[in-house]
């Protein structure tokens, strides 16, 4: 998976971030093995497989800090 971000904090109290994720459009796969009872006491009942394709995404965020920043 490839994710990128750029952040700018050049102004007092403000930060700006642009980001992009899943740039290679990688799919997520999940496999679950379901047994009738405890795994060591029962046979495998079935295997559940899920494949999700979320696609690439981009975003932008703006943050503002409030209050006194002196510590």
C-alpha atoms as a PDB file:
ATOM      1  CA  UNK A   1       0.000   0.000   0.000  1.00  0.00           C
ATOM      2  CA  UNK A   2       1.282   3.457  -0.882  1.00  0.00           C
ATOM      3  CA  UNK A   3       0.270   6.535   1.107  1.00  0.00           C
ATOM      4  CA  UNK A   4       1.603  10.083   0.795  1.00  0.00           C
ATOM      5  CA  UNK A   5       1.093  13.334   2.652  1.00  0.00           C
ATOM      6  CA  UNK A   6       2.387  16.896   2.651  1.00  0.00           C
ATOM      7  CA  UNK A   7       2.002  19.118   5.700  1.00  0.00           C
ATOM      8  CA  UNK A   8       2.586  22.856   6.056  1.00  0.00           C
ATOM      9  CA  UNK A   9       2.955  24.517   9.477  1.00  0.00           C
ATOM     10  CA  UNK A  10       4.354  27.899   8.466  1.00  0.00           C
ATOM     11  CA  UNK A  11       1.606  29.973  10.084  1.00  0.00           C
ATOM     12  CA  UNK A  12       1.182  30.359  13.858  1.00  0.00           C
ATOM     13  CA  UNK A  13      -1.617  28.128  15.209  1.00  0.00           C
ATOM     14  CA  UNK A  14      -2.425  26.605  11.780  1.00  0.00           C
ATOM     15  CA  UNK A  15      -1.450  23.427   9.948  1.00  0.00           C
ATOM     16  CA  UNK A  16      -2.543  22.265   6.499  1.00  0.00           C
ATOM     17  CA  UNK A  17      -2.263  18.701   5.230  1.00  0.00           C
ATOM     18  CA  UNK A  18      -2.947  17.113   1.853  1.00  0.00           C
ATOM     19  CA  UNK A  19      -2.921  13.323   1.707  1.00  0.00           C
ATOM     20  CA  UNK A  20      -3.554  10.413  -0.638  1.00  0.00           C
ATOM     21  CA  UNK A  21      -3.877   6.727   0.165  1.00  0.00           C
ATOM     22  CA  UNK A  22      -4.141   3.331  -1.468  1.00  0.00           C
ATOM     23  CA  UNK A  23      -2.561   4.784  -4.598  1.00  0.00           C
ATOM     24  CA  UNK A  24      -1.942   1.350  -6.125  1.00  0.00           C
ATOM     25  CA  UNK A  25      -5.613   0.375  -5.622  1.00  0.00           C
ATOM     26  CA  UNK A  26      -4.641  -2.625  -3.511  1.00  0.00           C
ATOM     27  CA  UNK A  27      -7.498  -4.852  -2.397  1.00  0.00           C
ATOM     28  CA  UNK A  28      -7.832  -6.116   1.154  1.00  0.00           C
ATOM     29  CA  UNK A  29      -8.470  -9.834   1.632  1.00  0.00           C
ATOM     30  CA  UNK A  30      -9.642 -11.624   4.749  1.00  0.00           C
ATOM     31  CA  UNK A  31     -10.085 -15.334   5.361  1.00  0.00           C
ATOM     32  CA  UNK A  32     -11.921 -16.832   8.345  1.00  0.00           C
ATOM     33  CA  UNK A  33     -11.994 -20.539   9.162  1.00  0.00           C
ATOM     34  CA  UNK A  34     -15.199 -21.556  10.964  1.00  0.00           C
ATOM     35  CA  UNK A  35     -15.317 -24.712  13.082  1.00  0.00           C
ATOM     36  CA  UNK A  36     -18.357 -26.452  14.633  1.00  0.00           C
ATOM     37  CA  UNK A  37     -16.755 -26.273  18.095  1.00  0.00           C
ATOM     38  CA  UNK A  38     -13.255 -25.814  19.490  1.00  0.00           C
ATOM     39  CA  UNK A  39     -10.632 -26.101  16.742  1.00  0.00           C
ATOM     40  CA  UNK A  40      -8.882 -29.015  18.394  1.00  0.00           C
ATOM     41  CA  UNK A  41     -12.164 -30.951  18.867  1.00  0.00           C
ATOM     42  CA  UNK A  42     -14.203 -30.352  15.699  1.00  0.00           C
ATOM     43  CA  UNK A  43     -13.655 -30.444  11.941  1.00  0.00           C
ATOM     44  CA  UNK A  44     -13.534 -27.375   9.772  1.00  0.00           C
ATOM     45  CA  UNK A  45     -17.097 -26.357   8.888  1.00  0.00           C
ATOM     46  CA  UNK A  46     -16.404 -23.768   6.177  1.00  0.00           C
ATOM     47  CA  UNK A  47     -14.025 -21.019   5.074  1.00  0.00           C
ATOM     48  CA  UNK A  48     -15.316 -17.470   4.644  1.00  0.00           C
ATOM     49  CA  UNK A  49     -13.325 -15.267   2.244  1.00  0.00           C
ATOM     50  CA  UNK A  50     -13.886 -11.524   1.837  1.00  0.00           C
ATOM     51  CA  UNK A  51     -12.259  -9.321  -0.744  1.00  0.00           C
ATOM     52  CA  UNK A  52     -12.676  -5.549  -0.444  1.00  0.00           C
ATOM     53  CA  UNK A  53     -11.587  -2.991  -2.993  1.00  0.00           C
ATOM     54  CA  UNK A  54     -11.772   0.479  -1.473  1.00  0.00           C
ATOM     55  CA  UNK A  55     -10.004   2.361  -4.248  1.00  0.00           C
ATOM     56  CA  UNK A  56      -7.582   5.273  -4.021  1.00  0.00           C
ATOM     57  CA  UNK A  57      -8.538   8.318  -1.964  1.00  0.00           C
ATOM     58  CA  UNK A  58      -7.353  11.883  -1.432  1.00  0.00           C
ATOM     59  CA  UNK A  59      -8.089  14.440   1.250  1.00  0.00           C
ATOM     60  CA  UNK A  60      -7.220  17.781   2.739  1.00  0.00           C
ATOM     61  CA  UNK A  61      -7.337  18.875   6.374  1.00  0.00           C
ATOM     62  CA  UNK A  62      -6.948  22.182   8.181  1.00  0.00           C
ATOM     63  CA  UNK A  63      -6.164  22.388  11.905  1.00  0.00           C
ATOM     64  CA  UNK A  64      -6.209  25.374  14.232  1.00  0.00           C
ATOM     65  CA  UNK A  65      -4.706  25.378  17.738  1.00  0.00           C
ATOM     66  CA  UNK A  66      -6.517  27.519  20.318  1.00  0.00           C
ATOM     67  CA  UNK A  67      -5.112  28.875  23.544  1.00  0.00           C
ATOM     68  CA  UNK A  68      -1.678  29.838  24.795  1.00  0.00           C
ATOM     69  CA  UNK A  69       1.113  27.709  23.294  1.00  0.00           C
ATOM     70  CA  UNK A  70       3.770  28.755  25.864  1.00  0.00           C
ATOM     71  CA  UNK A  71       4.794  25.805  28.057  1.00  0.00           C
END
